[in-house]
Amino acid sequence: MTTESPISVPQEVLEHIAFFAATQNLIGPPTDLPPLLLTCRHIYQTLSFEANPCLYARIFAYKFDTRSVFRRLGAHVITPRVLANELRKRWIHLKWIRARTSCRIRHPESYQLSHTLIDLLWLAYLMMIENDGKNEQQLLDYAEMDAWLMEYWFDDQGASSAAHMIVVQHAWPIQDEKNSIAMWLLWLLLRPGPIMRHIVRYPYMATIIKLTALAANHYPVCYPSWTEFLPRSEAVLPPSVITHFTETYRLNPPTLAPAAILIFLTLALLSPQANRAGVQSPASSPLSTRRSEDWDADWYRCINIGQSECCRAVSETYVLGSVEGVWEGVFTVRMIGLSLYVLNRSHFSLLFYQYTEFTAYSMLLSGGAPPVLDNCLVAHHRQTWKLREYYLSEHQALAQEPCRPVGPGDPLKAHFPTGTRLQEHSDSVEVHEPGRDAIHYRRASHAKSDGHRVMDIIILGEGHSAWGQFNLYGRVRPLDGFMSFSKEYIDGDRARWLYRGYLVGNVNGHISGRWRDTLSPSDLPGYEGCFVMSRRR
């Protein structure tokens, strides 16, 4: 009986054998492949990482999501060698996460930020906004990223330094690049059941999330500032240089506040107190069934915030028509009263009162320490919005010279110039800016794309809450899709309020941000709360 030598086996057959050995399980690295490579020199030379990048590119496509990568980066960038290199990089980083590398620090006072931690966080964040199912499975089921994040944020020695800052230094948790990314990962990987079980184990968990969600004077909802509609180049943060699929990108993470607000309100409305009050969550937790297309705008936002030049046209950070329709959610108000203190270190809960006091927030704006806000009770109101979008395209602007978008205006009036009048029709809105001819904006839901860039977006609507009925009008910032809404109650005795935030997760996502009063000057801190809106299901 003769025995066939491995040398006589065709290469494509060996590659099939290697591929099936590497993909016996979806979750985790291809642990069955190394023994095959050690069989003999010929097999190693045929199937090794250096010799056969196509094999490892196929393994990458089996283990990780690729649709969004090709869509955003381009097929010309994603070669077999690039995918093979990314496969190696990911397993190195995922093994670090699984081993709890860099999530805790022993001496916070002398801690120095490592490039390993930043690279690890950026990789995990980019995997989640490229997720079509596989990336999330690798991060949760293999790397146990949720447990890593729990230690990072809420352990006494967590690398976020949040607990150390609050307990030892009596100071506010740090907002920096690593903490911003880590808060967004906490939101993207949030599963209410598991995280609620961690509250008893981590006594400062509720406090950390509450402070980062509600302390508007310490954690801005956006960057550049909400007061800038067309930010100057010097107002843009210097980006980080990130290597992604062997290409270099200049990226800035979104600020941590919108993610912290989503987490805070989601967990608060899932609390036993909220359930007993019959209050339903606004469906604000991320859906595991989400497609990567839902996060395209978030990818482009990271790129745009890192650019030094700001384009006047609306960028890919906002998809036209995304907020058209009916939205439901909650907004918070604060009140003081230690005898009624229910939001503590082991429970998330909201009180359901219909009034607020300014005392605690005034103390906060005067330099109050974290306990001032931590001891402040938080109430909420539900609200409903019905929104309509209108836009001005580059084609309209060229055809109707000297037609140009409405100019930047008062940030406390959603960036509309003072004296602007809006006259709404069935399929358009007529904008009367002082000193200019009327400008006609088309209804986003009634018009087909003309292939030209969108120069400006105006959002109109109405809604109601326990405080009464109100009208809404707003604009979308071209740079990053940041939205500002002026909320005016019809009865006139509730004043005017300004809502600002981001659409997170595209058309079926959530609007997360903060409201503030419009009596305080825009360059000074005002009285603020937070809100989350979710599309009506």
Protein backbone atom coordinates (compact mmCIF):
# COMPACT_ATOMS: atom_id res chain seq x y z
CA MET A 1 0.00 0.00 0.00
CA THR A 2 1.45 3.35 -1.03
CA THR A 3 1.10 6.52 1.00
CA GLU A 4 0.59 9.83 -0.77
CA SER A 5 3.08 12.53 0.17
CA PRO A 6 1.67 15.95 1.17
CA ILE A 7 3.77 17.32 -1.67
CA SER A 8 1.47 15.60 -4.16
CA VAL A 9 -1.68 17.22 -2.76
CA PRO A 10 -2.75 20.20 -4.91
CA GLN A 11 -2.39 23.59 -3.25
CA GLU A 12 -6.09 24.44 -3.57
CA VAL A 13 -6.94 21.23 -1.69
CA LEU A 14 -4.52 22.10 1.09
CA GLU A 15 -6.06 25.57 1.28
CA HIS A 16 -9.55 24.10 1.62
CA ILE A 17 -8.35 21.79 4.39
CA ALA A 18 -6.68 24.70 6.17
CA PHE A 19 -9.74 26.92 5.81
CA PHE A 20 -12.08 24.32 7.28
CA ALA A 21 -9.61 23.65 10.10
CA ALA A 22 -9.50 27.36 10.89
CA THR A 23 -13.27 27.83 10.78
CA GLN A 24 -14.50 24.91 12.86
CA ASN A 25 -15.86 27.54 15.24
CA LEU A 26 -16.95 31.07 14.45
CA ILE A 27 -15.96 32.41 17.86
CA GLY A 28 -12.32 32.78 18.77
CA PRO A 29 -9.00 32.45 16.92
CA PRO A 30 -8.30 29.61 14.47
CA THR A 31 -6.68 27.33 17.05
CA ASP A 32 -6.88 24.21 14.86
CA LEU A 33 -4.73 25.76 12.14
CA PRO A 34 -1.29 25.82 13.86
CA PRO A 35 -1.16 22.00 14.34
CA LEU A 36 -1.82 21.58 10.62
CA LEU A 37 1.00 23.98 9.74
CA LEU A 38 3.39 21.94 11.88
CA THR A 39 2.67 18.74 9.95
CA CYS A 40 5.57 19.18 7.54
CA ARG A 41 7.74 21.79 5.91
CA HIS A 42 5.84 21.70 2.60
CA ILE A 43 2.49 22.37 4.24
CA TYR A 44 3.98 25.20 6.27
CA GLN A 45 5.58 26.78 3.22
CA THR A 46 2.29 26.50 1.33
CA LEU A 47 -0.08 27.70 4.05
CA SER A 48 1.97 30.03 6.24
CA PHE A 49 0.87 33.59 6.95
CA GLU A 50 3.68 35.04 4.86
CA ALA A 51 3.18 32.70 1.91
CA ASN A 52 -0.60 32.62 1.60
CA PRO A 53 -2.37 35.91 2.45
CA CYS A 54 -5.44 34.85 0.46
CA LEU A 55 -6.11 32.01 2.91
CA TYR A 56 -5.95 34.35 5.90
CA ALA A 57 -8.11 36.92 4.12
CA ARG A 58 -10.78 34.21 3.70
CA ILE A 59 -10.48 33.35 7.39
CA PHE A 60 -10.88 37.03 8.27
CA ALA A 61 -14.05 37.29 6.17
CA TYR A 62 -15.44 34.22 7.96
CA LYS A 63 -14.64 35.48 11.46
CA PHE A 64 -15.33 39.21 11.09
CA ASP A 65 -17.68 41.56 9.26
CA THR A 66 -16.44 43.06 6.00
CA ARG A 67 -19.41 44.73 4.25
CA SER A 68 -18.92 48.09 5.92
CA VAL A 69 -15.16 47.95 5.42
CA PHE A 70 -15.50 47.65 1.64
CA ARG A 71 -18.28 50.25 1.60
CA ARG A 72 -16.42 52.89 3.61
CA LEU A 73 -12.77 52.32 2.78
CA GLY A 74 -13.10 51.07 -0.79
CA ALA A 75 -12.28 47.74 -2.43
CA HIS A 76 -8.97 49.11 -3.72
CA VAL A 77 -7.74 49.42 -0.13
CA ILE A 78 -8.84 45.99 1.09
CA THR A 79 -6.39 43.56 -0.49
CA PRO A 80 -5.79 39.99 0.73
CA ARG A 81 -2.57 41.08 2.44
CA VAL A 82 -4.39 43.91 4.23
CA LEU A 83 -7.10 41.55 5.51
CA ALA A 84 -4.48 39.02 6.60
CA ASN A 85 -2.59 41.68 8.55
CA GLU A 86 -5.84 42.86 10.14
CA LEU A 87 -6.65 39.28 11.17
CA ARG A 88 -3.36 39.01 13.03
CA LYS A 89 -3.81 42.43 14.63
CA ARG A 90 -7.33 41.67 15.84
CA TRP A 91 -6.48 38.42 17.53
CA ILE A 92 -3.57 40.06 19.34
CA HIS A 93 -5.85 42.82 20.64
CA LEU A 94 -8.79 40.54 21.42
CA LYS A 95 -6.50 38.29 23.45
CA TRP A 96 -5.36 41.35 25.39
CA ILE A 97 -8.97 42.24 26.14
CA ARG A 98 -9.75 38.67 27.18
CA ALA A 99 -6.76 38.77 29.56
CA ARG A 100 -8.06 42.10 31.03
CA THR A 101 -4.96 43.92 29.81
CA SER A 102 -4.87 47.65 30.63
CA CYS A 103 -8.36 47.80 32.19
CA ARG A 104 -7.00 48.39 35.72
CA ILE A 105 -4.12 50.46 37.12
CA ARG A 106 -2.42 50.09 40.49
CA HIS A 107 -1.22 53.64 41.06
CA PRO A 108 -3.56 56.21 39.47
CA GLU A 109 -1.44 59.16 40.65
CA SER A 110 1.57 58.05 38.61
CA TYR A 111 -0.35 56.47 35.73
CA GLN A 112 0.86 57.18 32.20
CA LEU A 113 -1.36 56.48 29.23
CA SER A 114 -0.15 53.60 27.06
CA HIS A 115 -0.50 53.35 23.32
CA THR A 116 -1.70 49.78 23.86
CA LEU A 117 -4.83 51.01 25.65
CA ILE A 118 -5.67 53.63 23.01
CA ASP A 119 -5.12 51.15 20.16
CA LEU A 120 -7.24 48.55 21.93
CA LEU A 121 -10.13 50.95 22.50
CA TRP A 122 -10.09 52.33 18.97
CA LEU A 123 -10.03 48.82 17.49
CA ALA A 124 -13.03 47.74 19.57
CA TYR A 125 -14.98 50.91 18.75
CA LEU A 126 -14.33 50.63 15.01
CA MET A 127 -15.31 46.96 15.12
CA MET A 128 -18.64 47.90 16.68
CA ILE A 129 -19.51 50.60 14.15
CA GLU A 130 -18.57 48.09 11.42
CA ASN A 131 -20.67 45.41 13.05
CA ASP A 132 -23.08 43.21 11.12
CA GLY A 133 -23.16 40.55 13.84
CA LYS A 134 -19.79 38.80 13.80
CA ASN A 135 -17.70 41.61 15.29
CA GLU A 136 -20.01 41.91 18.27
CA GLN A 137 -19.88 38.16 18.85
CA GLN A 138 -16.08 38.14 18.89
CA LEU A 139 -15.96 41.10 21.30
CA LEU A 140 -18.55 39.70 23.70
CA ASP A 141 -18.33 35.91 23.44
CA TYR A 142 -14.58 35.57 22.97
CA ALA A 143 -12.91 38.73 24.30
CA GLU A 144 -15.53 39.34 27.04
CA MET A 145 -15.29 43.06 26.35
CA ASP A 146 -18.29 43.82 28.56
CA ALA A 147 -16.44 42.51 31.63
CA TRP A 148 -13.32 44.45 30.58
CA LEU A 149 -15.40 47.65 30.40
CA MET A 150 -16.96 47.03 33.81
CA GLU A 151 -13.51 46.90 35.40
CA TYR A 152 -12.24 49.82 33.33
CA TRP A 153 -15.08 52.14 34.34
CA PHE A 154 -16.30 51.04 37.75
CA ASP A 155 -13.52 49.15 39.58
CA ASP A 156 -11.71 51.08 42.33
CA GLN A 157 -8.53 50.71 40.27
CA GLY A 158 -10.17 51.03 36.87
CA ALA A 159 -8.07 52.65 34.15
CA SER A 160 -10.74 55.32 33.63
CA SER A 161 -9.74 56.66 37.09
CA ALA A 162 -13.42 57.56 37.57
CA ALA A 163 -13.88 55.97 41.00
CA HIS A 164 -10.48 57.27 42.14
CA MET A 165 -11.34 60.82 41.07
CA ILE A 166 -14.68 60.78 42.91
CA VAL A 167 -13.65 58.99 46.12
CA VAL A 168 -10.03 60.04 46.66
CA GLN A 169 -9.69 63.39 44.91
CA HIS A 170 -13.34 64.49 45.28
CA ALA A 171 -13.16 65.56 41.65
CA TRP A 172 -15.00 64.84 38.43
CA PRO A 173 -14.25 61.80 36.23
CA ILE A 174 -11.89 62.71 33.42
CA GLN A 175 -13.15 63.29 29.90
CA ASP A 176 -10.39 62.40 27.47
CA GLU A 177 -9.95 60.31 24.35
CA LYS A 178 -9.81 56.94 26.09
CA ASN A 179 -12.81 57.60 28.33
CA SER A 180 -14.89 58.93 25.45
CA ILE A 181 -14.29 55.78 23.41
CA ALA A 182 -14.84 53.55 26.45
CA MET A 183 -18.19 55.20 27.25
CA TRP A 184 -19.38 54.65 23.68
CA LEU A 185 -18.28 51.02 23.85
CA LEU A 186 -20.19 50.64 27.11
CA TRP A 187 -23.29 51.90 25.31
CA LEU A 188 -22.78 49.89 22.12
CA LEU A 189 -22.27 46.67 24.11
CA LEU A 190 -24.93 47.46 26.70
CA ARG A 191 -27.27 44.61 27.55
CA PRO A 192 -29.60 45.74 30.36
CA GLY A 193 -29.86 42.37 32.11
CA PRO A 194 -26.14 41.73 32.63
CA ILE A 195 -25.27 45.33 33.46
CA MET A 196 -28.03 45.63 36.07
CA ARG A 197 -26.54 42.59 37.83
CA HIS A 198 -23.20 44.40 38.11
CA ILE A 199 -24.60 47.32 40.13
CA VAL A 200 -24.15 45.60 43.52
CA ARG A 201 -20.57 44.56 42.66
CA TYR A 202 -19.48 48.05 41.62
CA PRO A 203 -20.74 50.54 44.24
CA TYR A 204 -19.84 53.67 42.23
CA MET A 205 -21.38 52.52 38.98
CA ALA A 206 -24.60 54.52 39.34
CA THR A 207 -22.72 57.61 40.49
CA ILE A 208 -20.24 57.59 37.59
CA ILE A 209 -22.94 57.23 34.95
CA LYS A 210 -25.14 59.85 36.61
CA LEU A 211 -22.35 62.43 36.86
CA THR A 212 -21.16 62.02 33.27
CA ALA A 213 -24.72 62.16 31.95
CA LEU A 214 -25.97 65.18 33.92
CA ALA A 215 -22.97 67.45 34.55
CA ALA A 216 -23.30 69.58 31.43
CA ASN A 217 -20.70 72.10 32.60
CA HIS A 218 -18.06 69.34 32.79
CA TYR A 219 -19.07 67.06 29.90
CA PRO A 220 -20.05 68.94 26.72
CA VAL A 221 -22.55 67.24 24.47
CA CYS A 222 -20.47 67.95 21.36
CA TYR A 223 -17.21 69.29 20.07
CA PRO A 224 -16.75 71.85 18.51
CA SER A 225 -19.04 73.86 20.79
CA TRP A 226 -22.79 73.83 20.16
CA THR A 227 -22.59 77.61 19.71
CA GLU A 228 -20.60 77.17 16.47
CA PHE A 229 -22.74 76.39 13.41
CA LEU A 230 -19.81 76.73 10.98
CA PRO A 231 -16.85 76.03 13.28
CA ARG A 232 -13.58 77.82 12.68
CA SER A 233 -10.58 75.59 12.01
CA GLU A 234 -8.97 76.58 15.33
CA ALA A 235 -12.10 75.32 17.13
CA VAL A 236 -11.50 71.74 15.97
CA LEU A 237 -9.67 69.32 18.27
CA PRO A 238 -6.40 67.85 16.96
CA PRO A 239 -7.18 64.29 15.84
CA SER A 240 -5.46 61.05 16.71
CA VAL A 241 -3.56 59.21 14.02
CA ILE A 242 -5.06 55.70 13.84
CA THR A 243 -3.98 52.76 11.69
CA HIS A 244 -7.00 50.86 10.41
CA PHE A 245 -6.62 48.10 7.81
CA THR A 246 -3.00 49.31 7.38
CA GLU A 247 -4.22 52.76 6.26
CA THR A 248 -3.68 55.88 8.37
CA TYR A 249 -6.73 57.91 9.42
CA ARG A 250 -7.05 61.09 11.45
CA LEU A 251 -9.95 60.46 13.84
CA ASN A 252 -11.62 62.06 16.83
CA PRO A 253 -14.07 60.12 19.00
CA PRO A 254 -17.45 61.67 19.80
CA THR A 255 -17.75 63.21 23.26
CA LEU A 256 -18.80 60.80 25.98
CA ALA A 257 -21.94 62.72 27.05
CA PRO A 258 -24.46 61.41 24.46
CA ALA A 259 -23.48 57.81 25.25
CA ALA A 260 -23.59 58.43 29.01
CA ILE A 261 -27.06 59.98 28.65
CA LEU A 262 -28.31 56.94 26.71
CA ILE A 263 -26.96 54.58 29.38
CA PHE A 264 -28.29 56.65 32.28
CA LEU A 265 -31.85 56.94 30.99
CA THR A 266 -31.99 53.35 29.75
CA LEU A 267 -30.97 51.92 33.13
CA ALA A 268 -33.07 54.39 35.10
CA LEU A 269 -36.21 53.48 33.17
CA LEU A 270 -35.50 49.77 33.65
CA SER A 271 -35.31 50.17 37.43
CA PRO A 272 -37.86 48.52 39.76
CA GLN A 273 -39.21 51.96 40.72
CA ALA A 274 -39.89 52.84 37.09
CA ASN A 275 -41.54 49.48 36.49
CA ARG A 276 -43.82 49.95 39.50
CA ALA A 277 -44.78 53.37 38.16
CA GLY A 278 -45.73 51.79 34.84
CA VAL A 279 -43.13 53.74 32.87
CA GLN A 280 -41.74 52.08 29.77
CA SER A 281 -38.19 52.49 28.51
CA PRO A 282 -37.89 54.54 25.32
CA ALA A 283 -36.24 51.56 23.60
CA SER A 284 -32.91 53.34 23.87
CA SER A 285 -30.62 50.32 24.09
CA PRO A 286 -28.72 49.41 20.93
CA LEU A 287 -30.19 46.57 18.91
CA SER A 288 -27.98 43.56 18.17
CA THR A 289 -29.84 43.19 14.87
CA ARG A 290 -28.57 46.54 13.65
CA ARG A 291 -26.88 46.68 10.26
CA SER A 292 -23.54 48.38 9.82
CA GLU A 293 -25.22 50.93 7.55
CA ASP A 294 -26.81 52.37 10.70
CA TRP A 295 -23.36 53.46 11.88
CA ASP A 296 -22.00 54.94 8.64
CA ALA A 297 -22.72 58.48 9.84
CA ASP A 298 -20.86 57.80 13.10
CA TRP A 299 -17.79 56.68 11.12
CA TYR A 300 -17.79 59.84 9.02
CA ARG A 301 -18.35 61.93 12.15
CA CYS A 302 -15.07 60.63 13.60
CA ILE A 303 -13.33 61.64 10.38
CA ASN A 304 -14.98 65.06 10.01
CA ILE A 305 -14.37 66.18 13.58
CA GLY A 306 -10.68 65.59 12.92
CA GLN A 307 -10.57 67.80 9.82
CA SER A 308 -9.10 71.28 10.00
CA GLU A 309 -11.27 72.65 7.19
CA CYS A 310 -15.07 72.70 7.57
CA CYS A 311 -17.18 72.32 4.43
CA ARG A 312 -20.38 74.38 4.08
CA ALA A 313 -22.32 71.45 2.57
CA VAL A 314 -23.96 68.85 4.81
CA SER A 315 -21.53 65.95 5.09
CA GLU A 316 -22.06 62.18 5.23
CA THR A 317 -22.42 62.50 8.99
CA TYR A 318 -26.14 62.99 8.43
CA VAL A 319 -28.44 61.14 6.03
CA LEU A 320 -31.22 63.30 4.59
CA GLY A 321 -34.65 62.32 5.93
CA SER A 322 -33.32 60.47 8.98
CA VAL A 323 -35.46 62.20 11.62
CA GLU A 324 -38.64 62.57 9.55
CA GLY A 325 -41.51 61.01 11.52
CA VAL A 326 -42.71 60.52 15.10
CA TRP A 327 -40.33 60.22 18.07
CA GLU A 328 -41.02 59.41 21.71
CA GLY A 329 -38.79 59.82 24.72
CA VAL A 330 -38.04 61.52 28.02
CA PHE A 331 -36.33 64.62 29.34
CA THR A 332 -34.99 65.02 32.86
CA VAL A 333 -35.46 67.70 35.48
CA ARG A 334 -33.64 67.96 38.80
CA MET A 335 -34.76 68.62 42.33
CA ILE A 336 -33.09 68.71 45.70
CA GLY A 337 -34.24 66.75 48.73
CA LEU A 338 -31.94 64.41 50.60
CA SER A 339 -34.82 62.97 52.62
CA LEU A 340 -36.19 61.57 49.35
CA TYR A 341 -32.81 60.35 48.12
CA VAL A 342 -33.35 57.22 46.03
CA LEU A 343 -30.65 57.29 43.36
CA ASN A 344 -27.76 55.73 45.25
CA ARG A 345 -24.77 53.53 44.65
CA SER A 346 -26.72 50.33 44.35
CA HIS A 347 -29.89 51.36 42.52
CA PHE A 348 -30.91 53.22 39.42
CA SER A 349 -34.24 54.97 39.75
CA LEU A 350 -36.12 58.07 38.69
CA LEU A 351 -38.67 60.00 40.69
CA PHE A 352 -41.85 60.97 38.93
CA TYR A 353 -42.60 64.48 40.18
CA GLN A 354 -43.83 67.41 38.14
CA TYR A 355 -41.57 70.20 39.44
CA THR A 356 -37.92 71.13 39.75
CA GLU A 357 -35.66 73.37 41.81
CA PHE A 358 -32.62 75.25 40.54
CA THR A 359 -30.72 75.15 43.86
CA ALA A 360 -28.57 72.11 43.17
CA TYR A 361 -27.70 73.14 39.64
CA SER A 362 -26.79 76.67 40.76
CA MET A 363 -24.38 75.14 43.26
CA LEU A 364 -22.97 72.95 40.51
CA LEU A 365 -22.33 75.92 38.21
CA SER A 366 -20.66 77.73 41.11
CA GLY A 367 -17.99 75.05 41.34
CA GLY A 368 -19.80 72.43 43.37
CA ALA A 369 -18.13 69.05 43.86
CA PRO A 370 -19.61 65.77 42.53
CA PRO A 371 -21.72 65.09 45.68
CA VAL A 372 -23.84 68.17 44.86
CA LEU A 373 -25.08 66.49 41.71
CA ASP A 374 -24.96 62.96 43.10
CA ASN A 375 -27.33 63.98 45.91
CA CYS A 376 -29.70 65.69 43.50
CA LEU A 377 -32.87 63.80 42.73
CA VAL A 378 -33.81 63.41 39.08
CA ALA A 379 -37.37 63.49 37.78
CA HIS A 380 -38.51 63.03 34.21
CA HIS A 381 -41.26 63.87 31.76
CA ARG A 382 -42.26 61.98 28.67
CA GLN A 383 -42.62 63.81 25.37
CA THR A 384 -43.53 63.13 21.74
CA TRP A 385 -42.15 64.87 18.66
CA LYS A 386 -43.49 64.84 15.11
CA LEU A 387 -40.74 66.06 12.78
CA ARG A 388 -40.48 67.09 9.12
CA GLU A 389 -37.26 67.75 7.21
CA TYR A 390 -36.62 70.35 4.53
CA TYR A 391 -33.43 70.85 2.56
CA LEU A 392 -31.68 73.14 0.11
CA SER A 393 -29.48 71.37 -2.46
CA GLU A 394 -26.49 72.68 -4.33
CA HIS A 395 -28.55 72.43 -7.55
CA GLN A 396 -31.22 74.75 -6.10
CA ALA A 397 -28.61 77.22 -4.96
CA LEU A 398 -26.98 77.30 -8.40
CA ALA A 399 -30.27 77.56 -10.27
CA GLN A 400 -31.66 80.33 -8.08
CA GLU A 401 -28.70 82.66 -7.71
CA PRO A 402 -28.13 84.50 -5.50
CA CYS A 403 -29.94 81.83 -3.45
CA ARG A 404 -27.75 80.53 -0.66
CA PRO A 405 -28.51 78.77 2.63
CA VAL A 406 -29.83 80.65 5.60
CA GLY A 407 -26.89 82.24 7.36
CA PRO A 408 -25.63 81.17 10.79
CA GLY A 409 -27.66 82.83 13.49
CA ASP A 410 -28.32 82.94 17.19
CA PRO A 411 -27.29 79.61 18.81
CA LEU A 412 -30.06 80.08 21.40
CA LYS A 413 -32.57 80.12 18.52
CA ALA A 414 -31.27 76.92 16.91
CA HIS A 415 -28.87 78.99 14.76
CA PHE A 416 -31.61 80.88 12.92
CA PRO A 417 -30.86 84.58 12.40
CA THR A 418 -32.95 86.86 14.58
CA GLY A 419 -36.17 87.85 12.84
CA THR A 420 -36.29 84.83 10.51
CA ARG A 421 -39.82 83.71 9.58
CA LEU A 422 -40.73 80.19 8.41
CA GLN A 423 -43.83 79.61 6.27
CA GLU A 424 -44.56 75.90 5.82
CA HIS A 425 -46.35 74.45 2.76
CA SER A 426 -47.30 70.86 1.91
CA ASP A 427 -43.98 70.03 0.24
CA SER A 428 -41.71 72.95 1.08
CA VAL A 429 -40.93 75.67 3.57
CA GLU A 430 -40.41 79.31 2.69
CA VAL A 431 -37.66 80.93 4.73
CA HIS A 432 -37.71 84.71 5.16
CA GLU A 433 -34.38 85.91 6.50
CA PRO A 434 -34.21 89.66 7.21
CA GLY A 435 -32.63 91.56 4.32
CA ARG A 436 -32.93 88.69 1.82
CA ASP A 437 -35.41 87.28 -0.66
CA ALA A 438 -37.39 84.22 0.42
CA ILE A 439 -35.60 80.86 0.13
CA HIS A 440 -37.53 77.69 -0.70
CA TYR A 441 -36.46 74.46 1.02
CA ARG A 442 -37.88 71.16 -0.29
CA ARG A 443 -39.53 68.49 1.85
CA ALA A 444 -37.09 65.61 2.26
CA SER A 445 -39.79 62.90 2.15
CA HIS A 446 -41.42 64.30 -1.04
CA ALA A 447 -38.35 64.88 -3.21
CA LYS A 448 -36.07 62.51 -5.05
CA SER A 449 -32.36 63.07 -4.74
CA ASP A 450 -31.03 65.23 -7.56
CA GLY A 451 -27.50 63.93 -7.06
CA HIS A 452 -26.25 67.27 -5.78
CA ARG A 453 -24.87 68.03 -2.36
CA VAL A 454 -27.24 69.10 0.38
CA MET A 455 -26.31 72.61 1.49
CA ASP A 456 -28.63 73.01 4.47
CA ILE A 457 -31.30 71.13 6.43
CA ILE A 458 -34.15 72.67 8.42
CA ILE A 459 -36.34 70.56 10.72
CA LEU A 460 -39.84 71.65 11.75
CA GLY A 461 -42.33 69.91 13.97
CA GLU A 462 -44.61 69.92 16.94
CA GLY A 463 -45.08 67.82 20.04
CA HIS A 464 -46.52 67.50 23.49
CA SER A 465 -45.48 66.63 27.03
CA ALA A 466 -46.98 66.95 30.50
CA TRP A 467 -46.08 70.64 30.29
CA GLY A 468 -48.30 71.18 27.25
CA GLN A 469 -48.07 71.42 23.48
CA PHE A 470 -45.11 72.99 21.71
CA ASN A 471 -43.60 73.77 18.33
CA LEU A 472 -40.10 72.80 17.22
CA TYR A 473 -37.78 74.28 14.66
CA GLY A 474 -34.15 73.35 14.17
CA ARG A 475 -31.07 73.01 11.97
CA VAL A 476 -28.39 70.39 11.28
CA ARG A 477 -24.74 71.42 11.57
CA PRO A 478 -22.95 70.53 8.30
CA LEU A 479 -19.68 69.41 9.91
CA ASP A 480 -20.93 66.56 12.08
CA GLY A 481 -24.73 66.26 11.89
CA PHE A 482 -25.20 67.94 15.28
CA MET A 483 -28.82 69.10 15.67
CA SER A 484 -30.22 72.12 17.50
CA PHE A 485 -33.97 72.56 18.16
CA SER A 486 -35.85 75.49 19.60
CA LYS A 487 -38.82 74.23 21.65
CA GLU A 488 -41.56 76.82 22.16
CA TYR A 489 -44.66 76.01 24.21
CA ILE A 490 -47.88 77.19 22.60
CA ASP A 491 -49.45 78.61 25.78
CA GLY A 492 -46.47 80.93 26.19
CA ASP A 493 -45.94 80.55 29.94
CA ARG A 494 -43.34 77.76 29.73
CA ALA A 495 -40.71 79.92 28.02
CA ARG A 496 -38.47 78.67 25.23
CA TRP A 497 -35.95 75.84 25.56
CA LEU A 498 -33.06 74.74 23.39
CA TYR A 499 -32.49 71.05 22.62
CA ARG A 500 -29.12 69.93 21.19
CA GLY A 501 -27.88 66.46 20.36
CA TYR A 502 -26.88 63.80 17.87
CA LEU A 503 -28.83 61.19 15.99
CA VAL A 504 -27.10 57.98 17.11
CA GLY A 505 -27.61 54.96 14.86
CA ASN A 506 -29.23 56.62 11.85
CA VAL A 507 -32.93 56.54 10.91
CA ASN A 508 -33.97 53.90 13.48
CA GLY A 509 -31.61 55.12 16.15
CA HIS A 510 -31.96 57.60 19.00
CA ILE A 511 -31.58 61.33 19.44
CA SER A 512 -29.44 61.87 22.52
CA GLY A 513 -28.44 65.19 23.99
CA ARG A 514 -29.18 68.03 26.37
CA TRP A 515 -31.71 70.82 26.73
CA ARG A 516 -30.96 74.19 28.32
CA ASP A 517 -32.66 77.46 29.12
CA THR A 518 -32.48 80.31 26.61
CA LEU A 519 -32.30 83.14 29.14
CA SER A 520 -28.65 82.54 30.02
CA PRO A 521 -26.17 83.92 27.45
CA SER A 522 -24.88 81.27 25.06
CA ASP A 523 -21.27 81.81 26.14
CA LEU A 524 -22.11 81.04 29.78
CA PRO A 525 -23.32 77.79 31.38
CA GLY A 526 -27.08 77.60 31.66
CA TYR A 527 -29.64 75.46 33.43
CA GLU A 528 -29.53 72.10 31.64
CA GLY A 529 -30.97 68.61 31.63
CA CYS A 530 -30.71 65.65 29.29
CA PHE A 531 -33.09 63.88 26.92
CA VAL A 532 -33.40 60.81 24.71
CA MET A 533 -35.84 60.36 21.83
CA SER A 534 -36.50 57.06 20.03
CA ARG A 535 -38.50 56.50 16.88
CA ARG A 536 -42.05 55.33 17.61
CA ARG A 537 -42.22 51.57 17.00
